[in-house]
Amino acid sequence: MKQTIKKVGITYDLKQDYINAGFSKEEAAEFDEIGTIDAIDNELIAMGFETERIGNVKMLIAQLQQGERWDMVFNICEGVSGIGREAQVPAVLDVYNIPYVFSDVLVLALTLHKGLTKRVVRDAGVPTPDFYLVETETDIAQVNLPYPLFAKPVAEGTGKGISANSRIKNAEQLKLVCTQLLKEFKQPVLVETFLPGREFTVGIVGNGADCKAVGTMEILFKKKDETNEVYSYNSKSNYHELMDYTVPEKEVALACEQTALNAWKALGCVDGGRVDIRMDSNGIPNFIEVNPLAGLNPIDSDLPILGYKNGWTYSKLMNEIVNSAIKRIQHK
């Protein structure tokens, strides 16, 4: 029997709430502006749903304890603490048997950890750079990969912990950067072979055999300068001044999309998100990381931006995501 979905709740972490609580702008970088919540809410209402803004995971728990229920929840909560923070809302909703948009507990817990994600993707035959996981300072000496390398926190998003220093040329720099990241982010550091090729991000909607690419967007720097040519928190925050986003040649886009779709299916991601791709020295697209809770700000987020550049309106993107979730829920 198909479930009728009328009442949709929206779970989210509001950026301003965390800044007011003392978080820095970088610490709150993954949380959402009120404009993003407004845009999502308006689209859901336009689709004919009755909506309710729930808020973060603690607000969700409080409302559930008061007896509140929804036919479906549109979940974009990033979470605040723990390696499985993105999976907290889905875990709570699973306890109450409330379906939700976007990936489940297993996928969100796995994909936040970039090292474990790469192991699954590599096992599925999807190209990805060689890597080593530095969990303590004593692990740094065990890295046995050719330079240059690239280092980043294993479980952060929005370019947090990434800067020009992330591109590593020698053992001295490797030790310095890894030590700093371990101290600052209090989590392992992913060290991988630096790929010299072009950089892309691919938008995906749908599930399993029905998933499809929204399109591919190339990430380009307006000024070619090795000191800033790393897609970091700073470049993402100031993309209007620093970045150019373009649609690549058709054959390049198709190659990137195939790699992205293969990774998406292997990881079990659903409904919508992004896969980041970089080419190696032979021009082969490699999986870098996946974002199964991609930003949905209609102006500043990569997924809507690449959608616009490939002929998708924000409404079309949102409809595809929601319809994918409903189809999945109704076929359970």
C-alpha atoms as a PDB file:
ATOM      1  CA  MET A   1       0.000   0.000   0.000  1.00  0.00           C
ATOM      2  CA  LYS A   2       1.409   3.353  -1.008  1.00  0.00           C
ATOM      3  CA  GLN A   3       1.937   5.844   1.801  1.00  0.00           C
ATOM      4  CA  THR A   4       0.199   9.197   1.387  1.00  0.00           C
ATOM      5  CA  ILE A   5       2.621  12.018   2.059  1.00  0.00           C
ATOM      6  CA  LYS A   6       1.051  15.324   3.017  1.00  0.00           C
ATOM      7  CA  LYS A   7       2.822  16.674   6.088  1.00  0.00           C
ATOM      8  CA  VAL A   8       6.551  17.244   5.607  1.00  0.00           C
ATOM      9  CA  GLY A   9       8.903  18.355   8.361  1.00  0.00           C
ATOM     10  CA  ILE A  10      12.216  20.096   7.671  1.00  0.00           C
ATOM     11  CA  THR A  11      15.272  19.400   9.837  1.00  0.00           C
ATOM     12  CA  TYR A  12      18.279  21.707   9.617  1.00  0.00           C
ATOM     13  CA  ASP A  13      21.070  23.376  11.570  1.00  0.00           C
ATOM     14  CA  LEU A  14      20.604  27.139  11.374  1.00  0.00           C
ATOM     15  CA  LYS A  15      23.972  28.873  10.991  1.00  0.00           C
ATOM     16  CA  GLN A  16      23.058  32.024  12.909  1.00  0.00           C
ATOM     17  CA  ASP A  17      21.975  30.013  15.955  1.00  0.00           C
ATOM     18  CA  TYR A  18      25.443  28.477  16.217  1.00  0.00           C
ATOM     19  CA  ILE A  19      27.255  31.769  15.600  1.00  0.00           C
ATOM     20  CA  ASN A  20      25.139  33.318  18.357  1.00  0.00           C
ATOM     21  CA  ALA A  21      26.240  30.414  20.576  1.00  0.00           C
ATOM     22  CA  GLY A  22      29.898  31.273  20.009  1.00  0.00           C
ATOM     23  CA  PHE A  23      30.878  29.226  16.933  1.00  0.00           C
ATOM     24  CA  SER A  24      33.305  30.882  14.506  1.00  0.00           C
ATOM     25  CA  LYS A  25      32.266  31.402  10.882  1.00  0.00           C
ATOM     26  CA  GLU A  26      34.437  28.477   9.804  1.00  0.00           C
ATOM     27  CA  GLU A  27      33.087  26.216  12.568  1.00  0.00           C
ATOM     28  CA  ALA A  28      29.555  27.064  11.390  1.00  0.00           C
ATOM     29  CA  ALA A  29      30.410  26.858   7.681  1.00  0.00           C
ATOM     30  CA  GLU A  30      28.410  23.694   6.977  1.00  0.00           C
ATOM     31  CA  PHE A  31      25.227  24.966   8.632  1.00  0.00           C
ATOM     32  CA  ASP A  32      22.462  26.652   6.666  1.00  0.00           C
ATOM     33  CA  GLU A  33      21.391  30.254   6.245  1.00  0.00           C
ATOM     34  CA  ILE A  34      17.740  31.101   6.838  1.00  0.00           C
ATOM     35  CA  GLY A  35      17.459  31.861   3.114  1.00  0.00           C
ATOM     36  CA  THR A  36      18.189  28.214   2.312  1.00  0.00           C
ATOM     37  CA  ILE A  37      15.443  27.040   4.675  1.00  0.00           C
ATOM     38  CA  ASP A  38      13.030  29.564   3.167  1.00  0.00           C
ATOM     39  CA  ALA A  39      13.823  28.345  -0.361  1.00  0.00           C
ATOM     40  CA  ILE A  40      13.340  24.670   0.529  1.00  0.00           C
ATOM     41  CA  ASP A  41      10.132  25.402   2.442  1.00  0.00           C
ATOM     42  CA  ASN A  42       8.706  27.452  -0.429  1.00  0.00           C
ATOM     43  CA  GLU A  43       9.438  24.695  -2.954  1.00  0.00           C
ATOM     44  CA  LEU A  44       7.814  22.035  -0.760  1.00  0.00           C
ATOM     45  CA  ILE A  45       4.711  24.230  -0.354  1.00  0.00           C
ATOM     46  CA  ALA A  46       4.606  24.785  -4.134  1.00  0.00           C
ATOM     47  CA  MET A  47       4.606  20.983  -4.536  1.00  0.00           C
ATOM     48  CA  GLY A  48       1.450  20.851  -2.422  1.00  0.00           C
ATOM     49  CA  PHE A  49       2.851  19.714   0.929  1.00  0.00           C
ATOM     50  CA  GLU A  50       1.973  21.031   4.361  1.00  0.00           C
ATOM     51  CA  THR A  51       5.340  21.928   5.908  1.00  0.00           C
ATOM     52  CA  GLU A  52       6.693  22.364   9.407  1.00  0.00           C
ATOM     53  CA  ARG A  53      10.137  23.701  10.292  1.00  0.00           C
ATOM     54  CA  ILE A  54      11.502  21.368  12.947  1.00  0.00           C
ATOM     55  CA  GLY A  55      15.098  22.570  13.380  1.00  0.00           C
ATOM     56  CA  ASN A  56      18.072  20.597  14.663  1.00  0.00           C
ATOM     57  CA  VAL A  57      18.279  17.095  16.126  1.00  0.00           C
ATOM     58  CA  LYS A  58      17.559  18.227  19.693  1.00  0.00           C
ATOM     59  CA  MET A  59      14.481  20.117  18.499  1.00  0.00           C
ATOM     60  CA  LEU A  60      13.412  17.017  16.569  1.00  0.00           C
ATOM     61  CA  ILE A  61      13.720  14.815  19.661  1.00  0.00           C
ATOM     62  CA  ALA A  62      11.756  17.309  21.757  1.00  0.00           C
ATOM     63  CA  GLN A  63       8.902  17.425  19.248  1.00  0.00           C
ATOM     64  CA  LEU A  64       8.803  13.646  18.894  1.00  0.00           C
ATOM     65  CA  GLN A  65       8.571  13.320  22.678  1.00  0.00           C
ATOM     66  CA  GLN A  66       5.607  15.691  22.588  1.00  0.00           C
ATOM     67  CA  GLY A  67       3.857  13.392  20.104  1.00  0.00           C
ATOM     68  CA  GLU A  68       4.539  15.291  16.878  1.00  0.00           C
ATOM     69  CA  ARG A  69       4.741  13.204  13.697  1.00  0.00           C
ATOM     70  CA  TRP A  70       5.271  13.833   9.965  1.00  0.00           C
ATOM     71  CA  ASP A  71       4.596  11.758   6.867  1.00  0.00           C
ATOM     72  CA  MET A  72       8.140  12.533   5.693  1.00  0.00           C
ATOM     73  CA  VAL A  73      11.068  14.681   6.809  1.00  0.00           C
ATOM     74  CA  PHE A  74      13.262  16.712   4.469  1.00  0.00           C
ATOM     75  CA  ASN A  75      16.563  16.342   6.298  1.00  0.00           C
ATOM     76  CA  ILE A  76      19.569  18.610   5.734  1.00  0.00           C
ATOM     77  CA  CYS A  77      21.030  18.443   9.274  1.00  0.00           C
ATOM     78  CA  GLU A  78      24.833  18.329   9.310  1.00  0.00           C
ATOM     79  CA  GLY A  79      25.113  17.659  13.044  1.00  0.00           C
ATOM     80  CA  VAL A  80      27.541  19.207  15.486  1.00  0.00           C
ATOM     81  CA  SER A  81      29.683  16.564  17.159  1.00  0.00           C
ATOM     82  CA  GLY A  82      31.038  13.085  16.514  1.00  0.00           C
ATOM     83  CA  ILE A  83      32.287  11.227  13.455  1.00  0.00           C
ATOM     84  CA  GLY A  84      28.705  10.115  12.728  1.00  0.00           C
ATOM     85  CA  ARG A  85      27.098  13.513  13.231  1.00  0.00           C
ATOM     86  CA  GLU A  86      25.360  13.615   9.843  1.00  0.00           C
ATOM     87  CA  ALA A  87      23.627  10.313  10.654  1.00  0.00           C
ATOM     88  CA  GLN A  88      22.032  11.477  13.916  1.00  0.00           C
ATOM     89  CA  VAL A  89      18.738  12.748  12.494  1.00  0.00           C
ATOM     90  CA  PRO A  90      18.191   9.681  10.258  1.00  0.00           C
ATOM     91  CA  ALA A  91      18.910   7.441  13.267  1.00  0.00           C
ATOM     92  CA  VAL A  92      16.256   9.193  15.353  1.00  0.00           C
ATOM     93  CA  LEU A  93      13.740   9.099  12.500  1.00  0.00           C
ATOM     94  CA  ASP A  94      14.399   5.381  11.957  1.00  0.00           C
ATOM     95  CA  VAL A  95      13.529   4.728  15.615  1.00  0.00           C
ATOM     96  CA  TYR A  96      10.125   6.328  15.028  1.00  0.00           C
ATOM     97  CA  ASN A  97       9.686   4.766  11.559  1.00  0.00           C
ATOM     98  CA  ILE A  98       9.406   8.188   9.898  1.00  0.00           C
ATOM     99  CA  PRO A  99      10.733   8.260   6.304  1.00  0.00           C
ATOM    100  CA  TYR A 100      13.050  11.024   5.158  1.00  0.00           C
ATOM    101  CA  VAL A 101      14.652  12.589   2.106  1.00  0.00           C
ATOM    102  CA  PHE A 102      18.327  11.827   1.400  1.00  0.00           C
ATOM    103  CA  SER A 103      20.592   9.014   2.473  1.00  0.00           C
ATOM    104  CA  ASP A 104      20.248   6.766   5.522  1.00  0.00           C
ATOM    105  CA  VAL A 105      22.274   6.221   8.684  1.00  0.00           C
ATOM    106  CA  LEU A 106      24.767   3.807   7.134  1.00  0.00           C
ATOM    107  CA  VAL A 107      25.544   5.992   4.123  1.00  0.00           C
ATOM    108  CA  LEU A 108      25.841   9.261   6.054  1.00  0.00           C
ATOM    109  CA  ALA A 109      28.059   7.698   8.726  1.00  0.00           C
ATOM    110  CA  LEU A 110      30.286   6.082   6.110  1.00  0.00           C
ATOM    111  CA  THR A 111      30.641   8.989   3.699  1.00  0.00           C
ATOM    112  CA  LEU A 112      31.556  11.553   6.340  1.00  0.00           C
ATOM    113  CA  HIS A 113      34.736   9.516   6.829  1.00  0.00           C
ATOM    114  CA  LYS A 114      36.628  10.139   3.596  1.00  0.00           C
ATOM    115  CA  GLY A 115      39.104   7.306   4.175  1.00  0.00           C
ATOM    116  CA  LEU A 116      36.503   4.575   4.659  1.00  0.00           C
ATOM    117  CA  THR A 117      34.539   5.972   1.721  1.00  0.00           C
ATOM    118  CA  LYS A 118      37.570   5.673  -0.555  1.00  0.00           C
ATOM    119  CA  ARG A 119      38.081   2.060   0.512  1.00  0.00           C
ATOM    120  CA  VAL A 120      34.529   1.151  -0.539  1.00  0.00           C
ATOM    121  CA  VAL A 121      34.806   3.078  -3.808  1.00  0.00           C
ATOM    122  CA  ARG A 122      38.204   1.553  -4.595  1.00  0.00           C
ATOM    123  CA  ASP A 123      36.865  -1.938  -3.909  1.00  0.00           C
ATOM    124  CA  ALA A 124      34.053  -1.234  -6.385  1.00  0.00           C
ATOM    125  CA  GLY A 125      36.631  -0.518  -9.096  1.00  0.00           C
ATOM    126  CA  VAL A 126      36.169   3.248  -9.196  1.00  0.00           C
ATOM    127  CA  PRO A 127      39.475   5.124  -9.681  1.00  0.00           C
ATOM    128  CA  THR A 128      40.545   7.133  -6.624  1.00  0.00           C
ATOM    129  CA  PRO A 129      43.968   8.472  -5.569  1.00  0.00           C
ATOM    130  CA  ASP A 130      46.195   6.267  -3.391  1.00  0.00           C
ATOM    131  CA  PHE A 131      45.983   7.338   0.239  1.00  0.00           C
ATOM    132  CA  TYR A 132      47.105   6.834   3.807  1.00  0.00           C
ATOM    133  CA  LEU A 133      45.181   7.626   6.984  1.00  0.00           C
ATOM    134  CA  VAL A 134      47.226   9.474   9.599  1.00  0.00           C
ATOM    135  CA  GLU A 135      45.562   8.907  12.967  1.00  0.00           C
ATOM    136  CA  THR A 136      48.424   9.991  15.255  1.00  0.00           C
ATOM    137  CA  GLU A 137      51.664  11.904  14.855  1.00  0.00           C
ATOM    138  CA  THR A 138      53.608   8.628  14.859  1.00  0.00           C
ATOM    139  CA  ASP A 139      51.722   7.592  11.692  1.00  0.00           C
ATOM    140  CA  ILE A 140      53.231  10.449   9.676  1.00  0.00           C
ATOM    141  CA  ALA A 141      56.523   8.602   9.198  1.00  0.00           C
ATOM    142  CA  GLN A 142      54.617   5.634   7.754  1.00  0.00           C
ATOM    143  CA  VAL A 143      53.281   7.581   4.762  1.00  0.00           C
ATOM    144  CA  ASN A 144      54.908   5.937   1.742  1.00  0.00           C
ATOM    145  CA  LEU A 145      53.436   7.774  -1.233  1.00  0.00           C
ATOM    146  CA  PRO A 146      55.240   9.797  -3.919  1.00  0.00           C
ATOM    147  CA  TYR A 147      55.143  13.600  -3.636  1.00  0.00           C
ATOM    148  CA  PRO A 148      53.287  15.826  -4.182  1.00  0.00           C
ATOM    149  CA  LEU A 149      50.586  14.811  -1.708  1.00  0.00           C
ATOM    150  CA  PHE A 150      47.377  16.377  -0.481  1.00  0.00           C
ATOM    151  CA  ALA A 151      46.240  16.403   3.165  1.00  0.00           C
ATOM    152  CA  LYS A 152      42.856  17.239   4.707  1.00  0.00           C
ATOM    153  CA  PRO A 153      40.773  16.364   7.781  1.00  0.00           C
ATOM    154  CA  VAL A 154      39.051  13.030   7.248  1.00  0.00           C
ATOM    155  CA  ALA A 155      35.563  14.166   8.277  1.00  0.00           C
ATOM    156  CA  GLU A 156      34.982  17.815   7.360  1.00  0.00           C
ATOM    157  CA  GLY A 157      33.129  19.532   4.544  1.00  0.00           C
ATOM    158  CA  THR A 158      32.880  22.962   2.877  1.00  0.00           C
ATOM    159  CA  GLY A 159      36.645  22.998   2.414  1.00  0.00           C
ATOM    160  CA  LYS A 160      37.315  23.203   6.172  1.00  0.00           C
ATOM    161  CA  GLY A 161      40.937  22.460   6.992  1.00  0.00           C
ATOM    162  CA  ILE A 162      42.009  22.888   3.365  1.00  0.00           C
ATOM    163  CA  SER A 163      44.361  25.673   2.265  1.00  0.00           C
ATOM    164  CA  ALA A 164      47.326  26.246  -0.047  1.00  0.00           C
ATOM    165  CA  ASN A 165      49.391  24.321   2.521  1.00  0.00           C
ATOM    166  CA  SER A 166      47.298  21.197   1.843  1.00  0.00           C
ATOM    167  CA  ARG A 167      49.386  20.527  -1.276  1.00  0.00           C
ATOM    168  CA  ILE A 168      52.494  18.919   0.198  1.00  0.00           C
ATOM    169  CA  LYS A 169      55.901  18.796  -1.510  1.00  0.00           C
ATOM    170  CA  ASN A 170      58.180  17.117   1.036  1.00  0.00           C
ATOM    171  CA  ALA A 171      58.416  15.192   4.310  1.00  0.00           C
ATOM    172  CA  GLU A 172      59.027  18.289   6.406  1.00  0.00           C
ATOM    173  CA  GLN A 173      55.852  19.944   5.132  1.00  0.00           C
ATOM    174  CA  LEU A 174      53.904  16.689   5.567  1.00  0.00           C
ATOM    175  CA  LYS A 175      54.841  16.530   9.238  1.00  0.00           C
ATOM    176  CA  LEU A 176      54.008  20.179   9.812  1.00  0.00           C
ATOM    177  CA  VAL A 177      50.603  20.076   8.100  1.00  0.00           C
ATOM    178  CA  CYS A 178      49.470  16.750   9.563  1.00  0.00           C
ATOM    179  CA  THR A 179      50.496  17.778  13.074  1.00  0.00           C
ATOM    180  CA  GLN A 180      48.574  21.025  12.740  1.00  0.00           C
ATOM    181  CA  LEU A 181      45.428  19.345  11.362  1.00  0.00           C
ATOM    182  CA  LEU A 182      45.474  16.624  14.031  1.00  0.00           C
ATOM    183  CA  LYS A 183      45.662  19.274  16.735  1.00  0.00           C
ATOM    184  CA  GLU A 184      43.095  21.649  15.260  1.00  0.00           C
ATOM    185  CA  PHE A 185      40.408  19.201  14.122  1.00  0.00           C
ATOM    186  CA  LYS A 186      41.011  16.344  16.591  1.00  0.00           C
ATOM    187  CA  GLN A 187      40.403  13.695  13.937  1.00  0.00           C
ATOM    188  CA  PRO A 188      42.524  11.655  11.507  1.00  0.00           C
ATOM    189  CA  VAL A 189      44.102  13.279   8.460  1.00  0.00           C
ATOM    190  CA  LEU A 190      43.617  11.829   4.993  1.00  0.00           C
ATOM    191  CA  VAL A 191      46.842  12.002   2.971  1.00  0.00           C
ATOM    192  CA  GLU A 192      46.471  11.119  -0.706  1.00  0.00           C
ATOM    193  CA  THR A 193      48.374  11.361  -3.960  1.00  0.00           C
ATOM    194  CA  PHE A 194      47.882  14.814  -5.439  1.00  0.00           C
ATOM    195  CA  LEU A 195      46.263  14.618  -8.858  1.00  0.00           C
ATOM    196  CA  PRO A 196      47.473  17.324 -11.270  1.00  0.00           C
ATOM    197  CA  GLY A 197      44.480  17.272 -13.629  1.00  0.00           C
ATOM    198  CA  ARG A 198      41.277  19.238 -14.017  1.00  0.00           C
ATOM    199  CA  GLU A 199      38.760  19.460 -11.168  1.00  0.00           C
ATOM    200  CA  PHE A 200      34.989  18.938 -11.413  1.00  0.00           C
ATOM    201  CA  THR A 201      31.874  18.397  -9.367  1.00  0.00           C
ATOM    202  CA  VAL A 202      28.964  16.275 -10.598  1.00  0.00           C
ATOM    203  CA  GLY A 203      25.376  16.639  -9.423  1.00  0.00           C
ATOM    204  CA  ILE A 204      23.289  13.470  -9.091  1.00  0.00           C
ATOM    205  CA  VAL A 205      19.624  12.753  -8.393  1.00  0.00           C
ATOM    206  CA  GLY A 206      17.862   9.440  -7.963  1.00  0.00           C
ATOM    207  CA  ASN A 207      18.568   6.001  -6.582  1.00  0.00           C
ATOM    208  CA  GLY A 208      20.153   2.792  -7.797  1.00  0.00           C
ATOM    209  CA  ALA A 209      19.563   2.048 -11.443  1.00  0.00           C
ATOM    210  CA  ASP A 210      17.346   5.144 -11.729  1.00  0.00           C
ATOM    211  CA  CYS A 211      19.968   7.688 -10.663  1.00  0.00           C
ATOM    212  CA  LYS A 212      21.155  10.230 -13.215  1.00  0.00           C
ATOM    213  CA  ALA A 213      23.516  13.162 -13.503  1.00  0.00           C
ATOM    214  CA  VAL A 214      22.209  16.693 -13.194  1.00  0.00           C
ATOM    215  CA  GLY A 215      25.381  17.773 -14.970  1.00  0.00           C
ATOM    216  CA  THR A 216      29.072  18.474 -14.514  1.00  0.00           C
ATOM    217  CA  MET A 217      30.718  21.740 -13.525  1.00  0.00           C
ATOM    218  CA  GLU A 218      34.434  22.453 -13.835  1.00  0.00           C
ATOM    219  CA  ILE A 219      36.141  24.251 -10.957  1.00  0.00           C
ATOM    220  CA  LEU A 220      38.541  26.890 -12.306  1.00  0.00           C
ATOM    221  CA  PHE A 221      40.549  29.629 -10.638  1.00  0.00           C
ATOM    222  CA  LYS A 222      40.375  33.107 -12.124  1.00  0.00           C
ATOM    223  CA  LYS A 223      44.065  33.651 -11.397  1.00  0.00           C
ATOM    224  CA  LYS A 224      46.572  30.846 -11.913  1.00  0.00           C
ATOM    225  CA  ASP A 225      48.616  30.981  -8.730  1.00  0.00           C
ATOM    226  CA  GLU A 226      49.943  27.914  -6.922  1.00  0.00           C
ATOM    227  CA  THR A 227      49.664  29.726  -3.581  1.00  0.00           C
ATOM    228  CA  ASN A 228      45.875  29.883  -3.787  1.00  0.00           C
ATOM    229  CA  GLU A 229      44.964  27.293  -6.413  1.00  0.00           C
ATOM    230  CA  VAL A 230      43.363  24.901  -3.934  1.00  0.00           C
ATOM    231  CA  TYR A 231      39.584  24.642  -3.686  1.00  0.00           C
ATOM    232  CA  SER A 232      39.434  25.532  -0.006  1.00  0.00           C
ATOM    233  CA  TYR A 233      37.087  27.021   2.573  1.00  0.00           C
ATOM    234  CA  ASN A 234      38.368  30.462   1.561  1.00  0.00           C
ATOM    235  CA  SER A 235      37.867  29.957  -2.189  1.00  0.00           C
ATOM    236  CA  LYS A 236      34.385  28.493  -1.666  1.00  0.00           C
ATOM    237  CA  SER A 237      33.437  31.396   0.620  1.00  0.00           C
ATOM    238  CA  ASN A 238      34.705  33.956  -1.913  1.00  0.00           C
ATOM    239  CA  TYR A 239      33.871  32.168  -5.145  1.00  0.00           C
ATOM    240  CA  HIS A 240      32.546  35.298  -6.873  1.00  0.00           C
ATOM    241  CA  GLU A 241      36.001  36.882  -6.711  1.00  0.00           C
ATOM    242  CA  LEU A 242      38.238  33.818  -6.970  1.00  0.00           C
ATOM    243  CA  MET A 243      36.470  31.133  -8.993  1.00  0.00           C
ATOM    244  CA  ASP A 244      35.040  30.430 -12.420  1.00  0.00           C
ATOM    245  CA  TYR A 245      32.471  27.646 -12.788  1.00  0.00           C
ATOM    246  CA  THR A 246      32.018  26.341 -16.334  1.00  0.00           C
ATOM    247  CA  VAL A 247      30.470  23.405 -18.182  1.00  0.00           C
ATOM    248  CA  PRO A 248      33.235  21.244 -19.732  1.00  0.00           C
ATOM    249  CA  GLU A 249      33.284  19.573 -23.162  1.00  0.00           C
ATOM    250  CA  LYS A 250      30.601  16.917 -23.602  1.00  0.00           C
ATOM    251  CA  GLU A 251      32.969  13.941 -23.692  1.00  0.00           C
ATOM    252  CA  VAL A 252      34.747  15.124 -20.526  1.00  0.00           C
ATOM    253  CA  ALA A 253      31.434  15.684 -18.750  1.00  0.00           C
ATOM    254  CA  LEU A 254      30.199  12.209 -19.696  1.00  0.00           C
ATOM    255  CA  ALA A 255      33.403  10.588 -18.413  1.00  0.00           C
ATOM    256  CA  CYS A 256      33.151  12.448 -15.095  1.00  0.00           C
ATOM    257  CA  GLU A 257      29.477  11.595 -14.761  1.00  0.00           C
ATOM    258  CA  GLN A 258      30.090   7.892 -15.311  1.00  0.00           C
ATOM    259  CA  THR A 259      32.713   7.827 -12.562  1.00  0.00           C
ATOM    260  CA  ALA A 260      30.423   9.804 -10.252  1.00  0.00           C
ATOM    261  CA  LEU A 261      27.428   7.545 -10.918  1.00  0.00           C
ATOM    262  CA  ASN A 262      29.508   4.416 -10.320  1.00  0.00           C
ATOM    263  CA  ALA A 263      30.645   5.788  -6.953  1.00  0.00           C
ATOM    264  CA  TRP A 264      27.123   6.945  -6.039  1.00  0.00           C
ATOM    265  CA  LYS A 265      25.697   3.477  -6.651  1.00  0.00           C
ATOM    266  CA  ALA A 266      28.568   1.693  -4.903  1.00  0.00           C
ATOM    267  CA  LEU A 267      28.051   3.794  -1.765  1.00  0.00           C
ATOM    268  CA  GLY A 268      24.260   3.438  -1.760  1.00  0.00           C
ATOM    269  CA  CYS A 269      23.552   7.183  -1.818  1.00  0.00           C
ATOM    270  CA  VAL A 270      19.983   8.240  -2.596  1.00  0.00           C
ATOM    271  CA  ASP A 271      17.796  11.121  -3.793  1.00  0.00           C
ATOM    272  CA  GLY A 272      20.412  13.787  -4.525  1.00  0.00           C
ATOM    273  CA  GLY A 273      23.916  15.075  -3.894  1.00  0.00           C
ATOM    274  CA  ARG A 274      27.308  15.757  -5.442  1.00  0.00           C
ATOM    275  CA  VAL A 275      30.448  13.806  -6.269  1.00  0.00           C
ATOM    276  CA  ASP A 276      33.781  15.620  -6.566  1.00  0.00           C
ATOM    277  CA  ILE A 277      36.100  14.465  -9.349  1.00  0.00           C
ATOM    278  CA  ARG A 278      39.688  15.244 -10.309  1.00  0.00           C
ATOM    279  CA  MET A 279      41.639  13.970 -13.289  1.00  0.00           C
ATOM    280  CA  ASP A 280      44.985  12.218 -12.948  1.00  0.00           C
ATOM    281  CA  SER A 281      48.006  12.847 -15.182  1.00  0.00           C
ATOM    282  CA  ASN A 282      46.445  10.615 -17.865  1.00  0.00           C
ATOM    283  CA  GLY A 283      43.166  12.541 -17.933  1.00  0.00           C
ATOM    284  CA  ILE A 284      41.245   9.759 -16.142  1.00  0.00           C
ATOM    285  CA  PRO A 285      38.489  11.045 -13.810  1.00  0.00           C
ATOM    286  CA  ASN A 286      39.109   9.963 -10.204  1.00  0.00           C
ATOM    287  CA  PHE A 287      36.697   9.958  -7.290  1.00  0.00           C
ATOM    288  CA  ILE A 288      37.714  12.474  -4.608  1.00  0.00           C
ATOM    289  CA  GLU A 289      34.728  12.578  -2.272  1.00  0.00           C
ATOM    290  CA  VAL A 290      30.937  12.494  -2.146  1.00  0.00           C
ATOM    291  CA  ASN A 291      28.478  14.879  -0.522  1.00  0.00           C
ATOM    292  CA  PRO A 292      25.155  13.086   0.059  1.00  0.00           C
ATOM    293  CA  LEU A 293      23.855  16.161   1.945  1.00  0.00           C
ATOM    294  CA  ALA A 294      24.868  18.776  -0.613  1.00  0.00           C
ATOM    295  CA  GLY A 295      24.123  22.441   0.035  1.00  0.00           C
ATOM    296  CA  LEU A 296      20.817  23.678  -1.357  1.00  0.00           C
ATOM    297  CA  ASN A 297      21.147  27.435  -1.152  1.00  0.00           C
ATOM    298  CA  PRO A 298      19.625  28.558  -4.488  1.00  0.00           C
ATOM    299  CA  ILE A 299      22.339  31.188  -5.036  1.00  0.00           C
ATOM    300  CA  ASP A 300      25.590  30.021  -3.447  1.00  0.00           C
ATOM    301  CA  SER A 301      25.567  26.205  -3.294  1.00  0.00           C
ATOM    302  CA  ASP A 302      27.434  24.137  -5.895  1.00  0.00           C
ATOM    303  CA  LEU A 303      24.564  21.730  -6.655  1.00  0.00           C
ATOM    304  CA  PRO A 304      22.036  24.420  -7.654  1.00  0.00           C
ATOM    305  CA  ILE A 305      24.768  26.384  -9.460  1.00  0.00           C
ATOM    306  CA  LEU A 306      25.804  23.413 -11.596  1.00  0.00           C
ATOM    307  CA  GLY A 307      22.116  22.717 -12.147  1.00  0.00           C
ATOM    308  CA  TYR A 308      21.553  26.199 -13.571  1.00  0.00           C
ATOM    309  CA  LYS A 309      24.565  25.827 -15.844  1.00  0.00           C
ATOM    310  CA  ASN A 310      23.117  22.580 -17.189  1.00  0.00           C
ATOM    311  CA  GLY A 311      19.587  23.877 -17.732  1.00  0.00           C
ATOM    312  CA  TRP A 312      17.975  22.835 -14.424  1.00  0.00           C
ATOM    313  CA  THR A 313      15.904  25.353 -12.471  1.00  0.00           C
ATOM    314  CA  TYR A 314      15.945  25.197  -8.675  1.00  0.00           C
ATOM    315  CA  SER A 315      12.338  23.980  -8.787  1.00  0.00           C
ATOM    316  CA  LYS A 316      13.241  21.150 -11.153  1.00  0.00           C
ATOM    317  CA  LEU A 317      16.129  20.087  -8.911  1.00  0.00           C
ATOM    318  CA  MET A 318      13.952  20.087  -5.797  1.00  0.00           C
ATOM    319  CA  ASN A 319      11.136  18.217  -7.545  1.00  0.00           C
ATOM    320  CA  GLU A 320      13.540  15.524  -8.766  1.00  0.00           C
ATOM    321  CA  ILE A 321      14.967  15.078  -5.252  1.00  0.00           C
ATOM    322  CA  VAL A 322      11.585  14.907  -3.526  1.00  0.00           C
ATOM    323  CA  ASN A 323      10.002  12.655  -6.154  1.00  0.00           C
ATOM    324  CA  SER A 324      12.975  10.312  -5.899  1.00  0.00           C
ATOM    325  CA  ALA A 325      12.441  10.077  -2.137  1.00  0.00           C
ATOM    326  CA  ILE A 326       8.699   9.487  -2.450  1.00  0.00           C
ATOM    327  CA  LYS A 327       9.173   6.772  -5.060  1.00  0.00           C
ATOM    328  CA  ARG A 328      11.752   5.079  -2.838  1.00  0.00           C
ATOM    329  CA  ILE A 329       9.551   5.339   0.269  1.00  0.00           C
ATOM    330  CA  GLN A 330       6.450   4.035  -1.489  1.00  0.00           C
ATOM    331  CA  HIS A 331       8.284   1.008  -2.862  1.00  0.00           C
ATOM    332  CA  LYS A 332       9.551  -0.175   0.509  1.00  0.00           C
END
